[in-house]
Amino acid sequence: MNFVTSQLASVPAAACGWNGAAERRISPRRRTYKVARIGFGGGRAVINCLIRNLSETGACLGVESPMGIPDEFNLVFESGEPSRMCRVMWRKAKLLGVAFL
C-alpha cells in the first residue's frame, strides 16, 4: 500500500453513496480503488487522490483535503487510462463527487 492509498483508505465506502440501496444514477457507479491525480493551473498544480467509485459519467474521489481544489480540473489516472476533465458536483469532508465533462 503506497502513501496515497494508506492516507485515504480509511474513508468508508458508504460516504461515497455506496450503501447497498438501488442505484439511481444515469450510469451506475462501481466500487474501485484506483490512484489518480487532480491536475489544474495549467498542469502546475497536482493533488493525489483515490477513486472510490467510478462510472461512465462521474466518480467519487477521496482526497487528503478538498481545500484549494477548483470546481473544474483534469483527473489523471495512474493506470494509464485517458485523463478526464471533471466538474465538482459536491464536497463532503475528504470526498469529492465529480461529473465528467
PDB file of N, CA and C in Angstrom:
ATOM      1  N   MET A   1       0.853  -1.171   0.000  1.00  0.00           N
ATOM      2  CA  MET A   1       0.000   0.000   0.000  1.00  0.00           C
ATOM      3  C   MET A   1       0.899   1.234   0.000  1.00  0.00           C
ATOM      4  N   ASN A   2       0.680   2.141  -0.949  1.00  0.00           N
ATOM      5  CA  ASN A   2       1.515   3.332  -1.002  1.00  0.00           C
ATOM      6  C   ASN A   2       0.936   4.455  -0.146  1.00  0.00           C
ATOM      7  N   PHE A   3       1.622   5.602  -0.137  1.00  0.00           N
ATOM      8  CA  PHE A   3       1.219   6.722   0.701  1.00  0.00           C
ATOM      9  C   PHE A   3      -0.211   7.165   0.436  1.00  0.00           C
ATOM     10  N   VAL A   4      -0.572   7.320  -0.839  1.00  0.00           N
ATOM     11  CA  VAL A   4      -1.909   7.809  -1.175  1.00  0.00           C
ATOM     12  C   VAL A   4      -2.969   6.860  -0.665  1.00  0.00           C
ATOM     13  N   THR A   5      -2.839   5.579  -0.968  1.00  0.00           N
ATOM     14  CA  THR A   5      -3.871   4.636  -0.544  1.00  0.00           C
ATOM     15  C   THR A   5      -3.901   4.484   0.960  1.00  0.00           C
ATOM     16  N   SER A   6      -2.769   4.538   1.635  1.00  0.00           N
ATOM     17  CA  SER A   6      -2.770   4.392   3.086  1.00  0.00           C
ATOM     18  C   SER A   6      -3.402   5.604   3.761  1.00  0.00           C
ATOM     19  N   GLN A   7      -3.232   6.798   3.210  1.00  0.00           N
ATOM     20  CA  GLN A   7      -3.802   8.006   3.790  1.00  0.00           C
ATOM     21  C   GLN A   7      -5.295   8.138   3.525  1.00  0.00           C
ATOM     22  N   LEU A   8      -5.775   7.610   2.419  1.00  0.00           N
ATOM     23  CA  LEU A   8      -7.166   7.822   2.020  1.00  0.00           C
ATOM     24  C   LEU A   8      -8.040   6.587   2.175  1.00  0.00           C
ATOM     25  N   ALA A   9      -7.473   5.470   2.527  1.00  0.00           N
ATOM     26  CA  ALA A   9      -8.228   4.219   2.592  1.00  0.00           C
ATOM     27  C   ALA A   9      -9.250   4.191   3.719  1.00  0.00           C
ATOM     28  N   SER A  10      -9.098   5.034   4.714  1.00  0.00           N
ATOM     29  CA  SER A  10      -9.997   4.983   5.862  1.00  0.00           C
ATOM     30  C   SER A  10     -11.363   5.599   5.598  1.00  0.00           C
ATOM     31  N   VAL A  11     -11.558   6.264   4.468  1.00  0.00           N
ATOM     32  CA  VAL A  11     -12.853   6.840   4.154  1.00  0.00           C
ATOM     33  C   VAL A  11     -13.814   5.709   3.812  1.00  0.00           C
ATOM     34  N   PRO A  12     -14.943   5.577   4.543  1.00  0.00           N
ATOM     35  CA  PRO A  12     -15.856   4.464   4.297  1.00  0.00           C
ATOM     36  C   PRO A  12     -16.538   4.559   2.945  1.00  0.00           C
ATOM     37  N   ALA A  13     -16.796   3.420   2.318  1.00  0.00           N
ATOM     38  CA  ALA A  13     -17.455   3.388   1.013  1.00  0.00           C
ATOM     39  C   ALA A  13     -18.834   4.021   1.075  1.00  0.00           C
ATOM     40  N   ALA A  14     -19.526   3.902   2.205  1.00  0.00           N
ATOM     41  CA  ALA A  14     -20.861   4.480   2.339  1.00  0.00           C
ATOM     42  C   ALA A  14     -20.835   5.996   2.175  1.00  0.00           C
ATOM     43  N   ALA A  15     -19.725   6.622   2.489  1.00  0.00           N
ATOM     44  CA  ALA A  15     -19.614   8.069   2.361  1.00  0.00           C
ATOM     45  C   ALA A  15     -19.687   8.505   0.903  1.00  0.00           C
ATOM     46  N   CYS A  16     -19.398   7.621  -0.021  1.00  0.00           N
ATOM     47  CA  CYS A  16     -19.467   7.921  -1.452  1.00  0.00           C
ATOM     48  C   CYS A  16     -20.816   7.532  -2.041  1.00  0.00           C
ATOM     49  N   GLY A  17     -21.788   7.310  -1.180  1.00  0.00           N
ATOM     50  CA  GLY A  17     -23.109   6.949  -1.670  1.00  0.00           C
ATOM     51  C   GLY A  17     -23.296   5.463  -1.872  1.00  0.00           C
ATOM     52  N   TRP A  18     -22.353   4.662  -1.428  1.00  0.00           N
ATOM     53  CA  TRP A  18     -22.445   3.219  -1.591  1.00  0.00           C
ATOM     54  C   TRP A  18     -23.031   2.625  -0.312  1.00  0.00           C
ATOM     55  N   ASN A  19     -24.325   2.345  -0.339  1.00  0.00           N
ATOM     56  CA  ASN A  19     -24.966   1.810   0.850  1.00  0.00           C
ATOM     57  C   ASN A  19     -25.788   0.571   0.561  1.00  0.00           C
ATOM     58  N   GLY A  20     -25.636   0.029  -0.644  1.00  0.00           N
ATOM     59  CA  GLY A  20     -26.361  -1.178  -0.994  1.00  0.00           C
ATOM     60  C   GLY A  20     -27.760  -0.904  -1.518  1.00  0.00           C
ATOM     61  N   ALA A  21     -28.235   0.334  -1.452  1.00  0.00           N
ATOM     62  CA  ALA A  21     -29.560   0.679  -1.951  1.00  0.00           C
ATOM     63  C   ALA A  21     -29.546   0.657  -3.473  1.00  0.00           C
ATOM     64  N   ALA A  22     -30.716   0.664  -4.057  1.00  0.00           N
ATOM     65  CA  ALA A  22     -30.830   0.649  -5.514  1.00  0.00           C
ATOM     66  C   ALA A  22     -30.140   1.873  -6.103  1.00  0.00           C
ATOM     67  N   GLU A  23     -29.358   1.660  -7.126  1.00  0.00           N
ATOM     68  CA  GLU A  23     -28.617   2.728  -7.797  1.00  0.00           C
ATOM     69  C   GLU A  23     -29.578   3.523  -8.666  1.00  0.00           C
ATOM     70  N   ARG A  24     -29.580   4.866  -8.528  1.00  0.00           N
ATOM     71  CA  ARG A  24     -30.492   5.706  -9.294  1.00  0.00           C
ATOM     72  C   ARG A  24     -29.772   6.620 -10.271  1.00  0.00           C
ATOM     73  N   ARG A  25     -28.471   6.543 -10.362  1.00  0.00           N
ATOM     74  CA  ARG A  25     -27.734   7.395 -11.292  1.00  0.00           C
ATOM     75  C   ARG A  25     -27.982   6.930 -12.722  1.00  0.00           C
ATOM     76  N   ILE A  26     -27.738   7.852 -13.664  1.00  0.00           N
ATOM     77  CA  ILE A  26     -27.891   7.524 -15.083  1.00  0.00           C
ATOM     78  C   ILE A  26     -26.978   6.363 -15.452  1.00  0.00           C
ATOM     79  N   SER A  27     -25.755   6.426 -14.976  1.00  0.00           N
ATOM     80  CA  SER A  27     -24.768   5.383 -15.231  1.00  0.00           C
ATOM     81  C   SER A  27     -24.286   4.859 -13.878  1.00  0.00           C
ATOM     82  N   PRO A  28     -24.634   3.622 -13.529  1.00  0.00           N
ATOM     83  CA  PRO A  28     -24.285   3.093 -12.199  1.00  0.00           C
ATOM     84  C   PRO A  28     -22.784   3.135 -11.927  1.00  0.00           C
ATOM     85  N   ARG A  29     -22.443   3.486 -10.697  1.00  0.00           N
ATOM     86  CA  ARG A  29     -21.043   3.521 -10.295  1.00  0.00           C
ATOM     87  C   ARG A  29     -20.633   2.175  -9.726  1.00  0.00           C
ATOM     88  N   ARG A  30     -19.366   1.840  -9.969  1.00  0.00           N
ATOM     89  CA  ARG A  30     -18.792   0.599  -9.458  1.00  0.00           C
ATOM     90  C   ARG A  30     -17.707   0.946  -8.454  1.00  0.00           C
ATOM     91  N   ARG A  31     -17.659   0.210  -7.374  1.00  0.00           N
ATOM     92  CA  ARG A  31     -16.584   0.437  -6.396  1.00  0.00           C
ATOM     93  C   ARG A  31     -15.243   0.193  -7.057  1.00  0.00           C
ATOM     94  N   THR A  32     -14.280   1.004  -6.689  1.00  0.00           N
ATOM     95  CA  THR A  32     -12.936   0.847  -7.221  1.00  0.00           C
ATOM     96  C   THR A  32     -11.942   1.376  -6.196  1.00  0.00           C
ATOM     97  N   TYR A  33     -10.705   1.231  -6.500  1.00  0.00           N
ATOM     98  CA  TYR A  33      -9.636   1.629  -5.582  1.00  0.00           C
ATOM     99  C   TYR A  33      -8.442   2.044  -6.430  1.00  0.00           C
ATOM    100  N   LYS A  34      -8.657   3.073  -7.267  1.00  0.00           N
ATOM    101  CA  LYS A  34      -7.629   3.496  -8.208  1.00  0.00           C
ATOM    102  C   LYS A  34      -6.953   4.773  -7.738  1.00  0.00           C
ATOM    103  N   VAL A  35      -5.657   4.825  -7.898  1.00  0.00           N
ATOM    104  CA  VAL A  35      -4.889   6.019  -7.574  1.00  0.00           C
ATOM    105  C   VAL A  35      -4.908   6.942  -8.790  1.00  0.00           C
ATOM    106  N   ALA A  36      -5.106   8.244  -8.529  1.00  0.00           N
ATOM    107  CA  ALA A  36      -5.140   9.226  -9.607  1.00  0.00           C
ATOM    108  C   ALA A  36      -4.576  10.545  -9.086  1.00  0.00           C
ATOM    109  N   ARG A  37      -4.514  11.527  -9.992  1.00  0.00           N
ATOM    110  CA  ARG A  37      -4.048  12.869  -9.632  1.00  0.00           C
ATOM    111  C   ARG A  37      -5.037  13.891 -10.162  1.00  0.00           C
ATOM    112  N   ILE A  38      -5.273  14.915  -9.368  1.00  0.00           N
ATOM    113  CA  ILE A  38      -6.098  16.047  -9.771  1.00  0.00           C
ATOM    114  C   ILE A  38      -5.138  17.112 -10.274  1.00  0.00           C
ATOM    115  N   GLY A  39      -5.268  17.469 -11.544  1.00  0.00           N
ATOM    116  CA  GLY A  39      -4.384  18.463 -12.137  1.00  0.00           C
ATOM    117  C   GLY A  39      -5.139  19.730 -12.495  1.00  0.00           C
ATOM    118  N   PHE A  40      -4.536  20.892 -12.182  1.00  0.00           N
ATOM    119  CA  PHE A  40      -5.146  22.172 -12.519  1.00  0.00           C
ATOM    120  C   PHE A  40      -4.064  23.235 -12.576  1.00  0.00           C
ATOM    121  N   GLY A  41      -4.456  24.444 -12.915  1.00  0.00           N
ATOM    122  CA  GLY A  41      -3.468  25.523 -13.026  1.00  0.00           C
ATOM    123  C   GLY A  41      -2.526  25.312 -14.197  1.00  0.00           C
ATOM    124  N   GLY A  42      -3.056  24.825 -15.299  1.00  0.00           N
ATOM    125  CA  GLY A  42      -2.207  24.589 -16.463  1.00  0.00           C
ATOM    126  C   GLY A  42      -1.188  23.491 -16.245  1.00  0.00           C
ATOM    127  N   GLY A  43      -1.500  22.546 -15.336  1.00  0.00           N
ATOM    128  CA  GLY A  43      -0.595  21.449 -15.052  1.00  0.00           C
ATOM    129  C   GLY A  43       0.451  21.769 -13.997  1.00  0.00           C
ATOM    130  N   ARG A  44       0.398  22.984 -13.452  1.00  0.00           N
ATOM    131  CA  ARG A  44       1.382  23.375 -12.433  1.00  0.00           C
ATOM    132  C   ARG A  44       1.033  22.838 -11.052  1.00  0.00           C
ATOM    133  N   ALA A  45      -0.236  22.524 -10.820  1.00  0.00           N
ATOM    134  CA  ALA A  45      -0.648  22.027  -9.507  1.00  0.00           C
ATOM    135  C   ALA A  45      -1.207  20.613  -9.646  1.00  0.00           C
ATOM    136  N   VAL A  46      -0.804  19.741  -8.731  1.00  0.00           N
ATOM    137  CA  VAL A  46      -1.252  18.349  -8.748  1.00  0.00           C
ATOM    138  C   VAL A  46      -1.554  17.917  -7.317  1.00  0.00           C
ATOM    139  N   ILE A  47      -2.698  17.253  -7.145  1.00  0.00           N
ATOM    140  CA  ILE A  47      -3.094  16.722  -5.836  1.00  0.00           C
ATOM    141  C   ILE A  47      -3.397  15.243  -6.017  1.00  0.00           C
ATOM    142  N   ASN A  48      -2.834  14.394  -5.165  1.00  0.00           N
ATOM    143  CA  ASN A  48      -3.110  12.963  -5.224  1.00  0.00           C
ATOM    144  C   ASN A  48      -4.514  12.684  -4.713  1.00  0.00           C
ATOM    145  N   CYS A  49      -5.145  11.658  -5.282  1.00  0.00           N
ATOM    146  CA  CYS A  49      -6.470  11.261  -4.828  1.00  0.00           C
ATOM    147  C   CYS A  49      -6.644   9.757  -5.027  1.00  0.00           C
ATOM    148  N   LEU A  50      -7.715   9.240  -4.454  1.00  0.00           N
ATOM    149  CA  LEU A  50      -8.071   7.833  -4.582  1.00  0.00           C
ATOM    150  C   LEU A  50      -9.492   7.768  -5.118  1.00  0.00           C
ATOM    151  N   ILE A  51      -9.683   7.106  -6.246  1.00  0.00           N
ATOM    152  CA  ILE A  51     -11.014   6.979  -6.834  1.00  0.00           C
ATOM    153  C   ILE A  51     -11.738   5.859  -6.097  1.00  0.00           C
ATOM    154  N   ARG A  52     -12.809   6.216  -5.383  1.00  0.00           N
ATOM    155  CA  ARG A  52     -13.559   5.259  -4.559  1.00  0.00           C
ATOM    156  C   ARG A  52     -14.647   4.550  -5.341  1.00  0.00           C
ATOM    157  N   ASN A  53     -15.312   5.271  -6.255  1.00  0.00           N
ATOM    158  CA  ASN A  53     -16.242   4.616  -7.171  1.00  0.00           C
ATOM    159  C   ASN A  53     -16.217   5.372  -8.487  1.00  0.00           C
ATOM    160  N   LEU A  54     -16.648   4.691  -9.549  1.00  0.00           N
ATOM    161  CA  LEU A  54     -16.433   5.205 -10.896  1.00  0.00           C
ATOM    162  C   LEU A  54     -17.556   4.740 -11.805  1.00  0.00           C
ATOM    163  N   SER A  55     -17.977   5.622 -12.731  1.00  0.00           N
ATOM    164  CA  SER A  55     -18.945   5.256 -13.760  1.00  0.00           C
ATOM    165  C   SER A  55     -18.528   5.930 -15.058  1.00  0.00           C
ATOM    166  N   GLU A  56     -19.329   5.775 -16.073  1.00  0.00           N
ATOM    167  CA  GLU A  56     -19.058   6.441 -17.345  1.00  0.00           C
ATOM    168  C   GLU A  56     -19.250   7.945 -17.221  1.00  0.00           C
ATOM    169  N   THR A  57     -20.036   8.388 -16.233  1.00  0.00           N
ATOM    170  CA  THR A  57     -20.379   9.805 -16.135  1.00  0.00           C
ATOM    171  C   THR A  57     -19.735  10.545 -14.969  1.00  0.00           C
ATOM    172  N   GLY A  58     -19.112   9.835 -14.020  1.00  0.00           N
ATOM    173  CA  GLY A  58     -18.516  10.526 -12.882  1.00  0.00           C
ATOM    174  C   GLY A  58     -17.821   9.594 -11.915  1.00  0.00           C
ATOM    175  N   ALA A  59     -17.441  10.164 -10.759  1.00  0.00           N
ATOM    176  CA  ALA A  59     -16.689   9.392  -9.773  1.00  0.00           C
ATOM    177  C   ALA A  59     -16.796  10.041  -8.402  1.00  0.00           C
ATOM    178  N   CYS A  60     -16.416   9.272  -7.394  1.00  0.00           N
ATOM    179  CA  CYS A  60     -16.246   9.780  -6.036  1.00  0.00           C
ATOM    180  C   CYS A  60     -14.755   9.694  -5.738  1.00  0.00           C
ATOM    181  N   LEU A  61     -14.168  10.820  -5.347  1.00  0.00           N
ATOM    182  CA  LEU A  61     -12.734  10.893  -5.101  1.00  0.00           C
ATOM    183  C   LEU A  61     -12.456  11.146  -3.627  1.00  0.00           C
ATOM    184  N   GLY A  62     -11.534  10.393  -3.069  1.00  0.00           N
ATOM    185  CA  GLY A  62     -11.044  10.640  -1.721  1.00  0.00           C
ATOM    186  C   GLY A  62      -9.797  11.499  -1.820  1.00  0.00           C
ATOM    187  N   VAL A  63      -9.767  12.580  -1.035  1.00  0.00           N
ATOM    188  CA  VAL A  63      -8.623  13.491  -1.041  1.00  0.00           C
ATOM    189  C   VAL A  63      -8.180  13.750   0.397  1.00  0.00           C
ATOM    190  N   GLU A  64      -6.938  14.136   0.564  1.00  0.00           N
ATOM    191  CA  GLU A  64      -6.435  14.469   1.897  1.00  0.00           C
ATOM    192  C   GLU A  64      -7.164  15.696   2.437  1.00  0.00           C
ATOM    193  N   SER A  65      -7.391  16.676   1.552  1.00  0.00           N
ATOM    194  CA  SER A  65      -8.135  17.883   1.915  1.00  0.00           C
ATOM    195  C   SER A  65      -8.732  18.466   0.638  1.00  0.00           C
ATOM    196  N   PRO A  66     -10.001  18.851   0.657  1.00  0.00           N
ATOM    197  CA  PRO A  66     -10.607  19.452  -0.531  1.00  0.00           C
ATOM    198  C   PRO A  66     -10.247  20.927  -0.704  1.00  0.00           C
ATOM    199  N   MET A  67      -9.539  21.491   0.255  1.00  0.00           N
ATOM    200  CA  MET A  67      -9.160  22.905   0.200  1.00  0.00           C
ATOM    201  C   MET A  67      -8.290  23.172  -1.023  1.00  0.00           C
ATOM    202  N   GLY A  68      -8.632  24.210  -1.760  1.00  0.00           N
ATOM    203  CA  GLY A  68      -7.831  24.625  -2.899  1.00  0.00           C
ATOM    204  C   GLY A  68      -8.113  23.883  -4.187  1.00  0.00           C
ATOM    205  N   ILE A  69      -8.986  22.888  -4.157  1.00  0.00           N
ATOM    206  CA  ILE A  69      -9.314  22.156  -5.381  1.00  0.00           C
ATOM    207  C   ILE A  69     -10.381  22.962  -6.122  1.00  0.00           C
ATOM    208  N   PRO A  70     -10.114  23.345  -7.378  1.00  0.00           N
ATOM    209  CA  PRO A  70     -11.073  24.164  -8.124  1.00  0.00           C
ATOM    210  C   PRO A  70     -12.324  23.372  -8.518  1.00  0.00           C
ATOM    211  N   ASP A  71     -13.338  24.091  -8.989  1.00  0.00           N
ATOM    212  CA  ASP A  71     -14.594  23.455  -9.392  1.00  0.00           C
ATOM    213  C   ASP A  71     -14.439  22.586 -10.639  1.00  0.00           C
ATOM    214  N   GLU A  72     -13.446  22.873 -11.474  1.00  0.00           N
ATOM    215  CA  GLU A  72     -13.169  22.049 -12.650  1.00  0.00           C
ATOM    216  C   GLU A  72     -11.683  21.732 -12.690  1.00  0.00           C
ATOM    217  N   PHE A  73     -11.355  20.496 -13.054  1.00  0.00           N
ATOM    218  CA  PHE A  73      -9.961  20.055 -13.107  1.00  0.00           C
ATOM    219  C   PHE A  73      -9.833  18.846 -14.003  1.00  0.00           C
ATOM    220  N   ASN A  74      -8.590  18.438 -14.245  1.00  0.00           N
ATOM    221  CA  ASN A  74      -8.282  17.259 -15.042  1.00  0.00           C
ATOM    222  C   ASN A  74      -7.950  16.106 -14.101  1.00  0.00           C
ATOM    223  N   LEU A  75      -8.623  14.971 -14.260  1.00  0.00           N
ATOM    224  CA  LEU A  75      -8.357  13.775 -13.455  1.00  0.00           C
ATOM    225  C   LEU A  75      -7.447  12.857 -14.262  1.00  0.00           C
ATOM    226  N   VAL A  76      -6.247  12.628 -13.740  1.00  0.00           N
ATOM    227  CA  VAL A  76      -5.236  11.828 -14.438  1.00  0.00           C
ATOM    228  C   VAL A  76      -5.103  10.491 -13.720  1.00  0.00           C
ATOM    229  N   PHE A  77      -5.420   9.416 -14.415  1.00  0.00           N
ATOM    230  CA  PHE A  77      -5.377   8.069 -13.851  1.00  0.00           C
ATOM    231  C   PHE A  77      -3.954   7.531 -13.847  1.00  0.00           C
ATOM    232  N   GLU A  78      -3.517   6.957 -12.740  1.00  0.00           N
ATOM    233  CA  GLU A  78      -2.188   6.343 -12.653  1.00  0.00           C
ATOM    234  C   GLU A  78      -2.103   5.083 -13.517  1.00  0.00           C
ATOM    235  N   SER A  79      -3.251   4.465 -13.798  1.00  0.00           N
ATOM    236  CA  SER A  79      -3.281   3.209 -14.544  1.00  0.00           C
ATOM    237  C   SER A  79      -3.041   3.401 -16.039  1.00  0.00           C
ATOM    238  N   GLY A  80      -2.954   4.648 -16.489  1.00  0.00           N
ATOM    239  CA  GLY A  80      -2.700   4.900 -17.900  1.00  0.00           C
ATOM    240  C   GLY A  80      -3.957   5.133 -18.717  1.00  0.00           C
ATOM    241  N   GLU A  81      -5.130   5.061 -18.090  1.00  0.00           N
ATOM    242  CA  GLU A  81      -6.372   5.370 -18.806  1.00  0.00           C
ATOM    243  C   GLU A  81      -6.337   6.837 -19.230  1.00  0.00           C
ATOM    244  N   PRO A  82      -7.081   7.180 -20.267  1.00  0.00           N
ATOM    245  CA  PRO A  82      -7.101   8.590 -20.683  1.00  0.00           C
ATOM    246  C   PRO A  82      -7.615   9.492 -19.554  1.00  0.00           C
ATOM    247  N   SER A  83      -7.011  10.657 -19.407  1.00  0.00           N
ATOM    248  CA  SER A  83      -7.445  11.585 -18.365  1.00  0.00           C
ATOM    249  C   SER A  83      -8.825  12.130 -18.727  1.00  0.00           C
ATOM    250  N   ARG A  84      -9.530  12.639 -17.710  1.00  0.00           N
ATOM    251  CA  ARG A  84     -10.890  13.158 -17.901  1.00  0.00           C
ATOM    252  C   ARG A  84     -11.020  14.518 -17.236  1.00  0.00           C
ATOM    253  N   MET A  85     -11.637  15.464 -17.919  1.00  0.00           N
ATOM    254  CA  MET A  85     -11.987  16.745 -17.311  1.00  0.00           C
ATOM    255  C   MET A  85     -13.209  16.503 -16.429  1.00  0.00           C
ATOM    256  N   CYS A  86     -13.208  17.150 -15.246  1.00  0.00           N
ATOM    257  CA  CYS A  86     -14.257  16.931 -14.252  1.00  0.00           C
ATOM    258  C   CYS A  86     -14.809  18.253 -13.744  1.00  0.00           C
ATOM    259  N   ARG A  87     -16.051  18.201 -13.304  1.00  0.00           N
ATOM    260  CA  ARG A  87     -16.677  19.308 -12.584  1.00  0.00           C
ATOM    261  C   ARG A  87     -17.122  18.773 -11.231  1.00  0.00           C
ATOM    262  N   VAL A  88     -16.779  19.477 -10.156  1.00  0.00           N
ATOM    263  CA  VAL A  88     -17.173  19.056  -8.811  1.00  0.00           C
ATOM    264  C   VAL A  88     -18.674  19.285  -8.652  1.00  0.00           C
ATOM    265  N   MET A  89     -19.391  18.224  -8.254  1.00  0.00           N
ATOM    266  CA  MET A  89     -20.830  18.303  -8.041  1.00  0.00           C
ATOM    267  C   MET A  89     -21.157  18.460  -6.558  1.00  0.00           C
ATOM    268  N   TRP A  90     -20.312  17.893  -5.708  1.00  0.00           N
ATOM    269  CA  TRP A  90     -20.489  18.037  -4.258  1.00  0.00           C
ATOM    270  C   TRP A  90     -19.155  17.835  -3.559  1.00  0.00           C
ATOM    271  N   ARG A  91     -19.058  18.383  -2.354  1.00  0.00           N
ATOM    272  CA  ARG A  91     -17.874  18.263  -1.499  1.00  0.00           C
ATOM    273  C   ARG A  91     -18.352  17.862  -0.115  1.00  0.00           C
ATOM    274  N   LYS A  92     -17.670  16.902   0.485  1.00  0.00           N
ATOM    275  CA  LYS A  92     -18.056  16.418   1.808  1.00  0.00           C
ATOM    276  C   LYS A  92     -16.801  15.934   2.524  1.00  0.00           C
ATOM    277  N   ALA A  93     -16.366  16.677   3.541  1.00  0.00           N
ATOM    278  CA  ALA A  93     -15.163  16.337   4.316  1.00  0.00           C
ATOM    279  C   ALA A  93     -13.988  16.066   3.377  1.00  0.00           C
ATOM    280  N   LYS A  94     -13.555  14.822   3.252  1.00  0.00           N
ATOM    281  CA  LYS A  94     -12.402  14.457   2.422  1.00  0.00           C
ATOM    282  C   LYS A  94     -12.828  13.784   1.126  1.00  0.00           C
ATOM    283  N   LEU A  95     -14.041  14.097   0.660  1.00  0.00           N
ATOM    284  CA  LEU A  95     -14.568  13.474  -0.544  1.00  0.00           C
ATOM    285  C   LEU A  95     -15.049  14.527  -1.543  1.00  0.00           C
ATOM    286  N   LEU A  96     -14.956  14.185  -2.821  1.00  0.00           N
ATOM    287  CA  LEU A  96     -15.496  14.999  -3.893  1.00  0.00           C
ATOM    288  C   LEU A  96     -16.317  14.100  -4.803  1.00  0.00           C
ATOM    289  N   GLY A  97     -17.503  14.546  -5.159  1.00  0.00           N
ATOM    290  CA  GLY A  97     -18.282  13.878  -6.189  1.00  0.00           C
ATOM    291  C   GLY A  97     -18.103  14.670  -7.467  1.00  0.00           C
ATOM    292  N   VAL A  98     -17.669  14.020  -8.529  1.00  0.00           N
ATOM    293  CA  VAL A  98     -17.399  14.733  -9.780  1.00  0.00           C
ATOM    294  C   VAL A  98     -18.185  14.127 -10.929  1.00  0.00           C
ATOM    295  N   ALA A  99     -18.534  15.010 -11.882  1.00  0.00           N
ATOM    296  CA  ALA A  99     -19.135  14.594 -13.145  1.00  0.00           C
ATOM    297  C   ALA A  99     -18.096  14.817 -14.226  1.00  0.00           C
ATOM    298  N   PHE A 100     -17.997  13.879 -15.156  1.00  0.00           N
ATOM    299  CA  PHE A 100     -17.065  14.028 -16.269  1.00  0.00           C
ATOM    300  C   PHE A 100     -17.672  14.955 -17.308  1.00  0.00           C
ATOM    301  N   LEU A 101     -16.848  15.841 -17.849  1.00  0.00           N
ATOM    302  CA  LEU A 101     -17.302  16.794 -18.857  1.00  0.00           C
ATOM    303  C   LEU A 101     -17.115  16.238 -20.253  1.00  0.00           C
TER     304      LEU A 101
END
